[in-house]
Amino acid sequence: MDASQPDSKSYDPLERSMQRRVVAASAAVMVMVVAHLLHPLAHGHDTKLVDAALEFGSAALALLLLLVGGPQTLRVLRERRQDAERAHAERKQVNHLFRMTEMLQSANGYADANAVLGATIDSLLSGFGGALYVFNNSRDRLELSASWRWPEADTLRPMLTPSQCWALKRGKPHLNTDARGALRCEHHLGCATVLEIPMTAHGEIQGMLKVATTLPDAAAQLDRIQPLATAIADAMSLAVSNIALREKLRTQALRDPLTGLYNRRYMEDALARHASLAERTGAHLSAIMIDLDHFKKLNDEFGHAVGDSVLRETAAQIMGALRTSDVACRYGGEELLVILPECGLSEAVAKAEILRERIEALSATHDAKVSASFGVASIPESTRSVADLLGMADAALYQAKEGGRNRVVAAPSRETPMLPLAAE
C-alpha cells in the first residue's frame, strides 16, 4: 500500500469499540429508565403511574433516537477520520517532495539525481515501475538515464526521438495502453500500461518520466497516482535542467566551440596526466601534430564559412578514428593535436596515415583540395622527456610541410634519422 492511499481497515478496531460504547450507553439508559419506573410502584404510589408512563414514553423515544442515530454518528466520525488520514497522507507526500527537492539541489550529476528520484518512487509510488529519459547534448533524442522496478514483461528502449512520442509532441502526459482505440506512441513496445509525463523547466522540455504497471486495473491505478507522479516530474525537471546547464558550462570550459575538440588548456592537463602515468608504468605515449595544408588560401578562395566547415568535418573524421582513451585537441588555428596513451611510434604512424586519408577524402565533399600534414613523436622511442615530445612532433610536422605536405613524418628515434612515412 503506497503513501497516497490511506488504509481504512486500520479503523475497524476503533469502530467496533465505539459501537460497543453506544450499545453499552443504550443499555445503561434502559436500566435507568426501568429503575425509575419501578421505583414508584415499589413504594405503592399508584397516583404516579400516569406520570411514570409519560416518562417511560419519553425515555423510550430518547432510547430509540439514540439507537437510530448511533450508526449515523459512527459514519460521520469514520468519514472525519478518513478525511484526517487523507490530509495526513497528503502532508507526508508534500514533505517528502520538499525533501526530494532539497536533496536534488545538492546533486552533482545525473547519478545523484537518479538516486534521489529512485528513493522517492520507492516511497511514494510503491508498486509502480519508473524510468527517466533525458535529452542528449544535441537535443535530437532522449537517452535512458535510469529505471526502477520496471516490469520484466515490458521493454525499455535505450533511446527515443521526440517525433515518436505523443507526450513530447503535445507537451502533456500521455497514457500508453493496450485498450481498444487507444493512441500509442511508436516507441511503446511492451505490454505494460505506461504513463509518460514530459518534464518542463524554464519553458523547455528537459526529459520524460515514465511510470508503468501491469495490474489488471492499470489505467485506473495510473489515473489515481498521476497528480503525484506529475509533482515528482516537476521537481525532477528543474534538477535535470540545472545539471544539463552545469554540463554545458563544463563542456564549454574544456572544448573548442567550433570543432568540439578539447581546448589547449585541457590538452596540457591531459598530457601531464598521461605522461606521469607512462613514467610510472613504462608505457608508451605518442603525440600526432596535425596542420591543415594551405588553410589560409582555402579561406580566401571559398570564404570563412567553408573554412569553418572543413575544420568541423576534419575534427569529426579524427574523432571517428580514435579510441575512447585518446585525446584530440585544437592546438591553435588550423593546428590539431592527438595524444595516444599506451601507443608506440609505429602504431601512431599507422593511425596518422589513416587520419591523413580521411581528411583528404573531404576534398570531394567541398569541391576543393583539402589535405593535412602530420608529425609523430613517441615516448620512449623519440624521447624520454615529455617536455620534448610536442617539440619533436612539431619538428616532424615542419619536415612534412617542407617535403611537399599531405604526408606523415615520424620524429627520429634516438638511433635513426627522421624520414617521411607517406607522401602525396
Protein backbone atom coordinates (compact mmCIF):
# COMPACT_ATOMS: atom_id res chain seq x y z
CA MET A 1 0.00 0.00 0.00
CA ASP A 2 1.60 3.30 -1.05
CA ALA A 3 1.57 6.51 0.93
CA SER A 4 -1.00 8.12 -1.34
CA GLN A 5 -3.72 5.62 -0.32
CA PRO A 6 -4.91 5.61 3.35
CA ASP A 7 -5.63 2.24 4.95
CA SER A 8 -9.26 2.36 6.05
CA LYS A 9 -9.05 -1.12 7.56
CA SER A 10 -6.91 0.27 10.36
CA TYR A 11 -10.03 1.90 11.79
CA ASP A 12 -12.06 -1.30 12.31
CA PRO A 13 -10.98 -1.86 15.95
CA LEU A 14 -11.86 1.73 16.84
CA GLU A 15 -15.23 1.49 15.12
CA ARG A 16 -16.05 -1.71 16.96
CA SER A 17 -15.07 -0.05 20.22
CA MET A 18 -17.39 2.89 19.53
CA GLN A 19 -20.23 0.56 18.63
CA ARG A 20 -19.77 -1.29 21.91
CA ARG A 21 -19.85 2.04 23.74
CA VAL A 22 -23.11 3.05 22.02
CA VAL A 23 -24.72 -0.27 22.91
CA ALA A 24 -23.47 -0.01 26.49
CA ALA A 25 -24.80 3.54 26.78
CA SER A 26 -28.16 2.45 25.38
CA ALA A 27 -28.36 -0.41 27.87
CA ALA A 28 -27.44 1.91 30.72
CA VAL A 29 -30.21 4.34 29.71
CA MET A 30 -32.69 1.48 29.55
CA VAL A 31 -31.71 0.24 33.04
CA MET A 32 -32.02 3.75 34.46
CA VAL A 33 -35.46 4.21 32.86
CA VAL A 34 -36.77 0.86 34.13
CA ALA A 35 -35.41 1.56 37.61
CA HIS A 36 -37.04 4.96 37.60
CA LEU A 37 -40.39 3.49 36.57
CA LEU A 38 -40.29 0.66 39.10
CA HIS A 39 -39.46 2.98 41.97
CA PRO A 40 -42.97 4.45 42.45
CA LEU A 41 -44.56 1.01 42.01
CA ALA A 42 -42.32 -0.46 44.65
CA HIS A 43 -43.47 2.21 47.14
CA GLY A 44 -47.17 1.96 46.28
CA HIS A 45 -47.53 5.34 44.61
CA ASP A 46 -50.36 4.40 42.26
CA THR A 47 -51.18 8.04 41.60
CA LYS A 48 -47.92 8.45 39.84
CA LEU A 49 -48.46 5.71 37.27
CA VAL A 50 -49.64 8.17 34.64
CA ASP A 51 -46.58 10.31 35.14
CA ALA A 52 -44.39 7.23 35.05
CA ALA A 53 -45.97 6.16 31.77
CA LEU A 54 -45.24 9.55 30.27
CA GLU A 55 -41.66 9.39 31.49
CA PHE A 56 -41.36 5.89 30.12
CA GLY A 57 -42.59 7.03 26.71
CA SER A 58 -40.12 9.93 26.71
CA ALA A 59 -37.26 7.68 27.75
CA ALA A 60 -38.20 5.08 25.16
CA LEU A 61 -38.28 7.78 22.48
CA ALA A 62 -34.87 9.04 23.58
CA LEU A 63 -33.54 5.48 23.52
CA LEU A 64 -34.96 4.93 20.05
CA LEU A 65 -33.35 8.11 18.79
CA LEU A 66 -30.06 7.03 20.31
CA LEU A 67 -30.23 3.63 18.67
CA VAL A 68 -31.16 5.12 15.31
CA GLY A 69 -28.66 7.97 15.45
CA GLY A 70 -25.74 5.90 16.74
CA PRO A 71 -24.77 4.33 13.38
CA GLN A 72 -25.11 7.70 11.66
CA THR A 73 -22.79 9.21 14.25
CA LEU A 74 -20.33 6.40 13.67
CA ARG A 75 -20.41 7.03 9.91
CA VAL A 76 -19.77 10.73 10.41
CA LEU A 77 -16.89 10.01 12.75
CA ARG A 78 -15.49 7.44 10.34
CA GLU A 79 -15.65 9.89 7.42
CA ARG A 80 -13.94 12.53 9.52
CA ARG A 81 -11.18 10.11 10.46
CA GLN A 82 -10.73 9.13 6.82
CA ASP A 83 -10.55 12.79 5.80
CA ALA A 84 -7.97 13.39 8.53
CA GLU A 85 -5.95 10.39 7.40
CA ARG A 86 -6.03 11.55 3.78
CA ALA A 87 -4.88 15.00 4.85
CA HIS A 88 -2.10 13.40 6.89
CA ALA A 89 -1.02 11.29 3.89
CA GLU A 90 -1.03 14.37 1.66
CA ARG A 91 1.11 16.26 4.18
CA LYS A 92 3.55 13.34 4.21
CA GLN A 93 3.70 13.44 0.40
CA VAL A 94 4.30 17.19 0.36
CA ASN A 95 7.03 16.88 2.99
CA HIS A 96 8.65 14.07 1.04
CA LEU A 97 8.57 16.15 -2.15
CA PHE A 98 10.15 19.07 -0.28
CA ARG A 99 12.93 16.78 0.94
CA MET A 100 13.37 15.44 -2.58
CA THR A 101 13.69 18.96 -3.99
CA GLU A 102 16.17 19.91 -1.28
CA MET A 103 18.33 16.85 -1.94
CA LEU A 104 18.21 17.41 -5.71
CA GLN A 105 19.75 20.84 -5.19
CA SER A 106 22.85 19.08 -3.84
CA ALA A 107 23.07 16.57 -6.73
CA ASN A 108 26.41 16.81 -8.56
CA GLY A 109 25.22 14.92 -11.62
CA TYR A 110 22.70 12.53 -13.07
CA ALA A 111 23.87 9.68 -10.84
CA ASP A 112 22.99 11.63 -7.69
CA ALA A 113 19.70 12.87 -9.13
CA ASN A 114 18.72 9.35 -10.24
CA ALA A 115 19.40 8.01 -6.74
CA VAL A 116 17.12 10.65 -5.20
CA LEU A 117 14.39 10.00 -7.78
CA GLY A 118 14.62 6.23 -7.27
CA ALA A 119 14.24 6.57 -3.50
CA THR A 120 11.25 8.89 -3.98
CA ILE A 121 9.50 6.48 -6.34
CA ASP A 122 10.12 3.61 -3.90
CA SER A 123 8.48 5.60 -1.12
CA LEU A 124 5.62 7.43 -2.84
CA LEU A 125 4.86 5.18 -5.81
CA SER A 126 5.40 1.75 -4.32
CA GLY A 127 4.25 -1.00 -6.66
CA PHE A 128 4.90 1.00 -9.83
CA GLY A 129 7.89 0.91 -12.18
CA GLY A 130 9.69 4.10 -13.17
CA ALA A 131 12.13 5.27 -15.85
CA LEU A 132 13.82 8.59 -16.59
CA TYR A 133 14.80 9.82 -20.08
CA VAL A 134 16.85 12.99 -20.64
CA PHE A 135 17.88 14.85 -23.79
CA ASN A 136 21.40 14.40 -25.14
CA ASN A 137 23.64 17.42 -25.78
CA SER A 138 22.37 17.95 -29.32
CA ARG A 139 18.75 17.58 -28.15
CA ASP A 140 17.86 15.36 -31.11
CA ARG A 141 16.99 12.31 -28.98
CA LEU A 142 16.33 11.24 -25.40
CA GLU A 143 18.54 8.68 -23.70
CA LEU A 144 17.58 6.32 -20.88
CA SER A 145 19.20 7.69 -17.72
CA ALA A 146 17.86 5.24 -15.11
CA SER A 147 15.00 2.84 -14.37
CA TRP A 148 13.46 1.37 -11.19
CA ARG A 149 11.47 -1.86 -10.85
CA TRP A 150 10.43 -1.72 -14.49
CA PRO A 151 8.09 -4.63 -15.37
CA GLU A 152 10.03 -7.57 -16.80
CA ALA A 153 7.34 -8.16 -19.40
CA ASP A 154 7.90 -4.68 -20.85
CA THR A 155 10.77 -3.31 -22.95
CA LEU A 156 12.61 -0.04 -22.37
CA ARG A 157 14.36 1.43 -25.38
CA PRO A 158 17.85 2.85 -24.69
CA MET A 159 16.90 5.96 -26.64
CA LEU A 160 13.93 7.51 -28.40
CA THR A 161 13.23 10.55 -30.55
CA PRO A 162 10.67 13.26 -29.76
CA SER A 163 8.85 12.55 -33.02
CA GLN A 164 7.99 9.03 -31.72
CA CYS A 165 6.35 10.23 -28.50
CA TRP A 166 2.91 11.83 -28.14
CA ALA A 167 3.73 13.13 -24.67
CA LEU A 168 6.70 15.09 -26.03
CA LYS A 169 4.91 16.27 -29.17
CA ARG A 170 1.94 17.55 -27.16
CA GLY A 171 3.84 18.60 -24.04
CA LYS A 172 1.23 16.81 -21.90
CA PRO A 173 1.01 13.47 -20.04
CA HIS A 174 0.07 10.57 -22.27
CA LEU A 175 -1.13 7.05 -21.39
CA ASN A 176 0.14 4.14 -23.49
CA THR A 177 -2.31 1.28 -23.07
CA ASP A 178 -3.47 -1.76 -24.99
CA ALA A 179 -7.10 -0.70 -24.70
CA ARG A 180 -9.01 -0.79 -27.97
CA GLY A 181 -8.88 2.53 -29.79
CA ALA A 182 -6.08 3.92 -27.58
CA LEU A 183 -3.40 6.08 -29.22
CA ARG A 184 0.04 4.54 -28.60
CA CYS A 185 3.50 6.04 -29.13
CA GLU A 186 5.74 4.49 -31.80
CA HIS A 187 8.40 3.67 -29.23
CA HIS A 188 5.98 1.73 -26.98
CA LEU A 189 6.82 -1.95 -27.46
CA GLY A 190 5.82 -3.84 -24.31
CA CYS A 191 2.55 -4.97 -22.79
CA ALA A 192 2.62 -2.80 -19.66
CA THR A 193 0.41 0.26 -19.30
CA VAL A 194 2.71 3.29 -19.16
CA LEU A 195 2.05 6.87 -18.11
CA GLU A 196 4.52 9.26 -19.79
CA ILE A 197 4.99 12.72 -18.28
CA PRO A 198 7.13 15.37 -20.04
CA MET A 199 9.40 17.28 -17.65
CA THR A 200 9.44 21.01 -18.38
CA ALA A 201 11.65 23.69 -16.83
CA HIS A 202 12.36 27.25 -17.98
CA GLY A 203 9.81 26.83 -20.77
CA GLU A 204 11.69 23.89 -22.32
CA ILE A 205 11.19 20.13 -22.12
CA GLN A 206 14.16 18.61 -20.27
CA GLY A 207 13.19 14.94 -20.37
CA MET A 208 10.42 12.49 -19.60
CA LEU A 209 9.33 10.43 -16.59
CA LYS A 210 7.65 7.09 -17.31
CA VAL A 211 5.54 5.23 -14.73
CA ALA A 212 4.36 1.69 -15.55
CA THR A 213 2.26 -1.10 -14.09
CA THR A 214 0.85 -4.45 -15.24
CA LEU A 215 -2.09 -4.54 -12.79
CA PRO A 216 -5.49 -5.55 -14.24
CA ASP A 217 -6.90 -2.08 -13.47
CA ALA A 218 -3.71 -0.36 -14.68
CA ALA A 219 -5.40 2.65 -16.30
CA ALA A 220 -7.39 3.44 -13.16
CA GLN A 221 -4.33 3.00 -10.93
CA LEU A 222 -2.21 5.31 -13.11
CA ASP A 223 -5.02 7.87 -13.21
CA ARG A 224 -5.11 7.81 -9.40
CA ILE A 225 -1.38 8.48 -8.97
CA GLN A 226 -0.99 10.87 -11.94
CA PRO A 227 -1.12 14.07 -9.81
CA LEU A 228 1.60 12.72 -7.52
CA ALA A 229 3.71 11.47 -10.45
CA THR A 230 3.36 14.88 -12.12
CA ALA A 231 4.56 16.60 -8.95
CA ILE A 232 7.60 14.29 -8.86
CA ALA A 233 8.32 15.02 -12.54
CA ASP A 234 8.06 18.78 -11.94
CA ALA A 235 10.54 18.59 -9.06
CA MET A 236 12.92 16.45 -11.11
CA SER A 237 12.72 18.64 -14.22
CA LEU A 238 14.38 21.61 -12.54
CA ALA A 239 17.21 19.40 -11.28
CA VAL A 240 17.73 17.94 -14.77
CA SER A 241 17.81 21.47 -16.20
CA ASN A 242 20.43 22.59 -13.67
CA ILE A 243 22.58 19.50 -14.28
CA ALA A 244 22.39 19.99 -18.06
CA LEU A 245 23.40 23.63 -17.64
CA ARG A 246 26.41 22.68 -15.50
CA GLU A 247 27.44 20.05 -18.03
CA LYS A 248 27.14 22.59 -20.83
CA LEU A 249 29.27 25.14 -18.97
CA ARG A 250 31.82 22.45 -18.14
CA THR A 251 31.95 21.40 -21.79
CA GLN A 252 32.38 24.99 -22.91
CA ALA A 253 35.27 25.37 -20.48
CA LEU A 254 37.03 22.27 -21.82
CA ARG A 255 36.16 22.15 -25.51
CA ASP A 256 36.67 24.31 -28.56
CA PRO A 257 33.25 25.68 -29.61
CA LEU A 258 33.86 25.31 -33.35
CA THR A 259 35.29 21.80 -33.63
CA GLY A 260 34.07 20.21 -30.40
CA LEU A 261 37.62 19.02 -29.72
CA TYR A 262 39.25 19.65 -26.36
CA ASN A 263 40.94 23.02 -25.98
CA ARG A 264 44.60 23.65 -25.33
CA ARG A 265 44.16 24.04 -21.58
CA TYR A 266 42.62 20.58 -21.29
CA MET A 267 45.33 19.18 -23.58
CA GLU A 268 48.08 20.40 -21.26
CA ASP A 269 46.42 18.76 -18.25
CA ALA A 270 45.77 15.52 -20.14
CA LEU A 271 49.33 15.36 -21.47
CA ALA A 272 50.80 15.86 -17.99
CA ARG A 273 48.49 13.18 -16.57
CA HIS A 274 49.28 10.60 -19.26
CA ALA A 275 52.99 11.39 -19.17
CA SER A 276 53.10 10.85 -15.42
CA LEU A 277 51.35 7.51 -15.85
CA ALA A 278 53.73 6.48 -18.63
CA GLU A 279 56.71 7.40 -16.49
CA ARG A 280 55.46 5.26 -13.58
CA THR A 281 54.46 2.23 -15.63
CA GLY A 282 56.95 2.41 -18.51
CA ALA A 283 54.10 2.53 -21.05
CA HIS A 284 54.37 4.21 -24.45
CA LEU A 285 52.91 7.66 -25.15
CA SER A 286 52.61 9.18 -28.62
CA ALA A 287 51.61 12.57 -30.00
CA ILE A 288 50.40 13.45 -33.52
CA MET A 289 50.65 17.07 -34.59
CA ILE A 290 48.30 17.94 -37.48
CA ASP A 291 48.18 21.06 -39.66
CA LEU A 292 45.70 21.64 -42.48
CA ASP A 293 47.54 22.46 -45.69
CA HIS A 294 47.04 25.91 -47.33
CA PHE A 295 44.19 26.68 -44.95
CA LYS A 296 44.55 30.47 -45.40
CA LYS A 297 44.23 30.03 -49.16
CA LEU A 298 41.10 27.94 -48.63
CA ASN A 299 39.56 30.71 -46.53
CA ASP A 300 40.49 33.38 -49.08
CA GLU A 301 39.10 31.50 -52.08
CA PHE A 302 35.97 29.92 -50.59
CA GLY A 303 35.22 32.07 -47.54
CA HIS A 304 35.48 31.54 -43.80
CA ALA A 305 32.20 29.61 -43.69
CA VAL A 306 33.75 26.89 -45.83
CA GLY A 307 36.93 27.04 -43.76
CA ASP A 308 34.93 26.56 -40.55
CA SER A 309 33.05 23.68 -42.14
CA VAL A 310 36.32 22.00 -43.14
CA LEU A 311 37.62 22.37 -39.57
CA ARG A 312 34.46 20.84 -38.10
CA GLU A 313 34.45 17.92 -40.51
CA THR A 314 38.17 17.35 -40.01
CA ALA A 315 37.57 17.14 -36.27
CA ALA A 316 34.72 14.68 -36.88
CA GLN A 317 36.94 12.48 -39.05
CA ILE A 318 39.64 12.47 -36.40
CA MET A 319 37.25 11.61 -33.59
CA GLY A 320 35.72 8.84 -35.66
CA ALA A 321 39.08 7.06 -35.95
CA LEU A 322 40.29 7.32 -32.33
CA ARG A 323 39.89 5.16 -29.24
CA THR A 324 37.93 6.40 -26.25
CA SER A 325 41.19 6.77 -24.32
CA ASP A 326 42.75 9.03 -26.98
CA VAL A 327 42.61 12.82 -26.61
CA ALA A 328 42.10 15.13 -29.61
CA CYS A 329 42.61 18.89 -29.14
CA ARG A 330 42.57 22.06 -31.17
CA TYR A 331 46.10 23.27 -30.60
CA GLY A 332 45.58 26.62 -32.27
CA GLY A 333 44.10 27.94 -35.53
CA GLU A 334 44.19 25.09 -38.05
CA GLU A 335 46.64 23.06 -35.93
CA LEU A 336 45.31 19.98 -34.13
CA LEU A 337 46.94 17.58 -31.70
CA VAL A 338 46.16 13.95 -30.85
CA ILE A 339 47.52 12.27 -27.71
CA LEU A 340 47.69 8.46 -27.84
CA PRO A 341 48.25 6.77 -24.47
CA GLU A 342 49.83 3.30 -24.50
CA CYS A 343 50.66 3.62 -28.19
CA GLY A 344 54.14 3.12 -29.69
CA LEU A 345 55.67 5.04 -32.58
CA SER A 346 54.81 2.55 -35.34
CA GLU A 347 51.17 2.30 -34.21
CA ALA A 348 50.94 6.09 -34.01
CA VAL A 349 52.32 6.47 -37.52
CA ALA A 350 49.77 3.98 -38.84
CA LYS A 351 46.98 5.90 -37.08
CA ALA A 352 48.25 9.18 -38.56
CA GLU A 353 48.15 7.67 -42.04
CA ILE A 354 44.50 6.68 -41.51
CA LEU A 355 43.71 10.23 -40.41
CA ARG A 356 45.53 11.68 -43.44
CA GLU A 357 43.41 9.60 -45.82
CA ARG A 358 40.17 10.50 -44.06
CA ILE A 359 40.95 14.24 -44.19
CA GLU A 360 41.99 14.06 -47.86
CA ALA A 361 38.64 12.42 -48.67
CA LEU A 362 36.92 15.68 -47.63
CA SER A 363 38.10 17.22 -50.92
CA ALA A 364 35.24 15.57 -52.78
CA THR A 365 32.70 16.91 -50.29
CA HIS A 366 33.76 20.55 -50.61
CA ASP A 367 34.90 20.51 -54.23
CA ALA A 368 38.22 21.93 -53.04
CA LYS A 369 41.60 20.46 -52.24
CA VAL A 370 41.69 19.52 -48.56
CA SER A 371 44.71 17.83 -47.00
CA ALA A 372 46.85 17.88 -43.87
CA SER A 373 50.44 17.29 -42.82
CA PHE A 374 51.37 15.13 -39.82
CA GLY A 375 54.25 14.93 -37.39
CA VAL A 376 54.53 11.99 -35.00
CA ALA A 377 56.70 11.54 -31.89
CA SER A 378 56.65 8.98 -29.08
CA ILE A 379 57.97 8.22 -25.63
CA PRO A 380 60.34 6.41 -25.29
CA GLU A 381 61.22 5.88 -28.98
CA SER A 382 61.68 9.56 -29.91
CA THR A 383 62.50 10.99 -26.49
CA ARG A 384 62.31 10.16 -22.82
CA SER A 385 61.18 13.66 -21.83
CA VAL A 386 57.57 14.81 -22.05
CA ALA A 387 58.89 18.35 -22.39
CA ASP A 388 60.47 17.38 -25.73
CA LEU A 389 57.55 15.26 -27.03
CA LEU A 390 55.48 18.04 -28.59
CA GLY A 391 58.61 19.84 -29.84
CA MET A 392 59.74 16.75 -31.71
CA ALA A 393 56.25 16.16 -33.14
CA ASP A 394 56.15 19.78 -34.29
CA ALA A 395 59.59 19.45 -35.89
CA ALA A 396 58.39 16.33 -37.74
CA LEU A 397 55.31 18.27 -38.90
CA TYR A 398 57.56 21.06 -40.23
CA GLN A 399 59.56 18.50 -42.23
CA ALA A 400 56.31 17.06 -43.65
CA LYS A 401 55.37 20.52 -44.89
CA GLU A 402 58.82 21.10 -46.29
CA GLY A 403 58.63 17.74 -48.04
CA GLY A 404 55.51 18.67 -50.00
CA ARG A 405 52.62 18.46 -47.47
CA ASN A 406 49.84 15.84 -47.27
CA ARG A 407 52.16 13.32 -45.67
CA VAL A 408 53.15 11.75 -42.36
CA VAL A 409 56.65 12.18 -40.91
CA ALA A 410 57.86 10.43 -37.77
CA ALA A 411 60.33 12.08 -35.43
CA PRO A 412 63.70 10.32 -35.46
CA SER A 413 64.31 7.71 -32.86
CA ARG A 414 67.46 8.00 -30.86
CA GLU A 415 69.14 5.71 -33.38
CA THR A 416 67.69 6.67 -36.80
CA PRO A 417 67.18 9.93 -38.73
CA MET A 418 63.78 11.49 -39.43
CA LEU A 419 62.12 10.06 -42.56
CA PRO A 420 58.77 10.68 -44.30
CA LEU A 421 56.39 7.75 -43.89
CA ALA A 422 53.87 8.68 -46.57
CA ALA A 423 53.96 11.08 -49.47
CA GLU A 424 51.40 12.57 -51.76
